[in-house]
């Protein structure tokens, strides 16, 4: 039952916690100097979320995953 993409996704979500504590939101900029990979991941995730909101499919993100991940951890 190892799910690499889900594990990596949750690890990225958890890395948002210090950002949110510091800034009060989860909107890390694309070129976030303290963690470039976090900024890039946030940008890709925001784009995928917009695709889903428009009724399109998004690579690596779907409505089931969004609901499941939000229920597993609150950020």
C-alpha atoms as a PDB file:
ATOM      1  CA  UNK A   1       0.000   0.000   0.000  1.00  0.00           C
ATOM      2  CA  UNK A   2       2.836   2.464  -0.573  1.00  0.00           C
ATOM      3  CA  UNK A   3       1.581   5.559  -2.381  1.00  0.00           C
ATOM      4  CA  UNK A   4       4.565   7.657  -3.451  1.00  0.00           C
ATOM      5  CA  UNK A   5       2.652  10.563  -4.949  1.00  0.00           C
ATOM      6  CA  UNK A   6       0.298  10.805  -1.968  1.00  0.00           C
ATOM      7  CA  UNK A   7       3.214  10.650   0.476  1.00  0.00           C
ATOM      8  CA  UNK A   8       5.090  13.359  -1.416  1.00  0.00           C
ATOM      9  CA  UNK A   9       1.951  15.478  -1.665  1.00  0.00           C
ATOM     10  CA  UNK A  10       1.324  15.284   2.079  1.00  0.00           C
ATOM     11  CA  UNK A  11       4.977  16.074   2.788  1.00  0.00           C
ATOM     12  CA  UNK A  12       4.623  19.234   0.690  1.00  0.00           C
ATOM     13  CA  UNK A  13       1.403  20.149   2.470  1.00  0.00           C
ATOM     14  CA  UNK A  14       3.149  19.742   5.827  1.00  0.00           C
ATOM     15  CA  UNK A  15       5.977  22.019   4.680  1.00  0.00           C
ATOM     16  CA  UNK A  16       3.368  24.770   4.349  1.00  0.00           C
ATOM     17  CA  UNK A  17       2.723  24.781   8.098  1.00  0.00           C
ATOM     18  CA  UNK A  18       5.732  26.982   9.031  1.00  0.00           C
ATOM     19  CA  UNK A  19       4.938  29.317   6.126  1.00  0.00           C
ATOM     20  CA  UNK A  20       1.348  29.693   7.308  1.00  0.00           C
ATOM     21  CA  UNK A  21       2.430  30.308  10.890  1.00  0.00           C
ATOM     22  CA  UNK A  22       4.768  33.064   9.723  1.00  0.00           C
ATOM     23  CA  UNK A  23       2.541  34.782   7.131  1.00  0.00           C
ATOM     24  CA  UNK A  24      -1.001  33.750   8.087  1.00  0.00           C
ATOM     25  CA  UNK A  25      -1.830  32.212   4.694  1.00  0.00           C
ATOM     26  CA  UNK A  26      -0.756  29.372   2.398  1.00  0.00           C
ATOM     27  CA  UNK A  27      -0.158  31.448  -0.712  1.00  0.00           C
ATOM     28  CA  UNK A  28       3.613  30.952  -1.021  1.00  0.00           C
ATOM     29  CA  UNK A  29       4.914  32.939  -4.009  1.00  0.00           C
ATOM     30  CA  UNK A  30       6.442  31.144  -6.990  1.00  0.00           C
ATOM     31  CA  UNK A  31       9.911  32.471  -6.140  1.00  0.00           C
ATOM     32  CA  UNK A  32       9.738  32.077  -2.357  1.00  0.00           C
ATOM     33  CA  UNK A  33      13.402  32.578  -1.480  1.00  0.00           C
ATOM     34  CA  UNK A  34      13.358  30.584   1.774  1.00  0.00           C
ATOM     35  CA  UNK A  35      12.153  27.432  -0.003  1.00  0.00           C
ATOM     36  CA  UNK A  36      12.148  27.508  -3.796  1.00  0.00           C
ATOM     37  CA  UNK A  37      10.645  24.032  -4.071  1.00  0.00           C
ATOM     38  CA  UNK A  38       7.731  25.071  -1.823  1.00  0.00           C
ATOM     39  CA  UNK A  39       6.982  28.064  -4.036  1.00  0.00           C
ATOM     40  CA  UNK A  40       7.114  25.947  -7.183  1.00  0.00           C
ATOM     41  CA  UNK A  41       4.893  23.247  -5.667  1.00  0.00           C
ATOM     42  CA  UNK A  42       2.366  25.837  -4.457  1.00  0.00           C
ATOM     43  CA  UNK A  43       2.246  27.387  -7.912  1.00  0.00           C
ATOM     44  CA  UNK A  44       1.645  24.010  -9.585  1.00  0.00           C
ATOM     45  CA  UNK A  45      -0.991  23.101  -6.991  1.00  0.00           C
ATOM     46  CA  UNK A  46      -2.823  26.436  -7.418  1.00  0.00           C
ATOM     47  CA  UNK A  47      -2.856  25.897 -11.189  1.00  0.00           C
ATOM     48  CA  UNK A  48      -4.207  22.352 -10.777  1.00  0.00           C
ATOM     49  CA  UNK A  49      -6.887  23.581  -8.356  1.00  0.00           C
ATOM     50  CA  UNK A  50      -8.004  26.227 -10.875  1.00  0.00           C
ATOM     51  CA  UNK A  51      -8.242  23.517 -13.547  1.00  0.00           C
ATOM     52  CA  UNK A  52     -10.455  21.428 -11.261  1.00  0.00           C
ATOM     53  CA  UNK A  53     -12.658  24.439 -10.415  1.00  0.00           C
ATOM     54  CA  UNK A  54     -13.196  24.902 -14.165  1.00  0.00           C
ATOM     55  CA  UNK A  55     -14.301  21.281 -14.497  1.00  0.00           C
ATOM     56  CA  UNK A  56     -11.064  20.168 -16.167  1.00  0.00           C
ATOM     57  CA  UNK A  57      -8.730  17.397 -15.108  1.00  0.00           C
ATOM     58  CA  UNK A  58      -5.469  18.202 -13.401  1.00  0.00           C
ATOM     59  CA  UNK A  59      -2.381  16.034 -13.213  1.00  0.00           C
ATOM     60  CA  UNK A  60      -1.799  14.712  -9.699  1.00  0.00           C
ATOM     61  CA  UNK A  61      -4.739  16.483  -8.083  1.00  0.00           C
ATOM     62  CA  UNK A  62      -8.418  15.676  -7.976  1.00  0.00           C
ATOM     63  CA  UNK A  63     -11.421  16.562  -5.850  1.00  0.00           C
ATOM     64  CA  UNK A  64     -11.220  13.299  -3.875  1.00  0.00           C
ATOM     65  CA  UNK A  65      -7.594  13.991  -2.946  1.00  0.00           C
ATOM     66  CA  UNK A  66      -8.370  17.573  -1.928  1.00  0.00           C
ATOM     67  CA  UNK A  67     -11.145  16.442   0.416  1.00  0.00           C
ATOM     68  CA  UNK A  68      -9.132  13.540   1.834  1.00  0.00           C
ATOM     69  CA  UNK A  69      -6.027  15.652   2.467  1.00  0.00           C
ATOM     70  CA  UNK A  70      -7.987  18.472   4.071  1.00  0.00           C
ATOM     71  CA  UNK A  71      -9.599  15.982   6.432  1.00  0.00           C
ATOM     72  CA  UNK A  72      -6.215  14.470   7.368  1.00  0.00           C
ATOM     73  CA  UNK A  73      -4.590  17.751   8.252  1.00  0.00           C
ATOM     74  CA  UNK A  74      -5.776  21.241   8.819  1.00  0.00           C
ATOM     75  CA  UNK A  75      -3.566  24.067   7.580  1.00  0.00           C
END
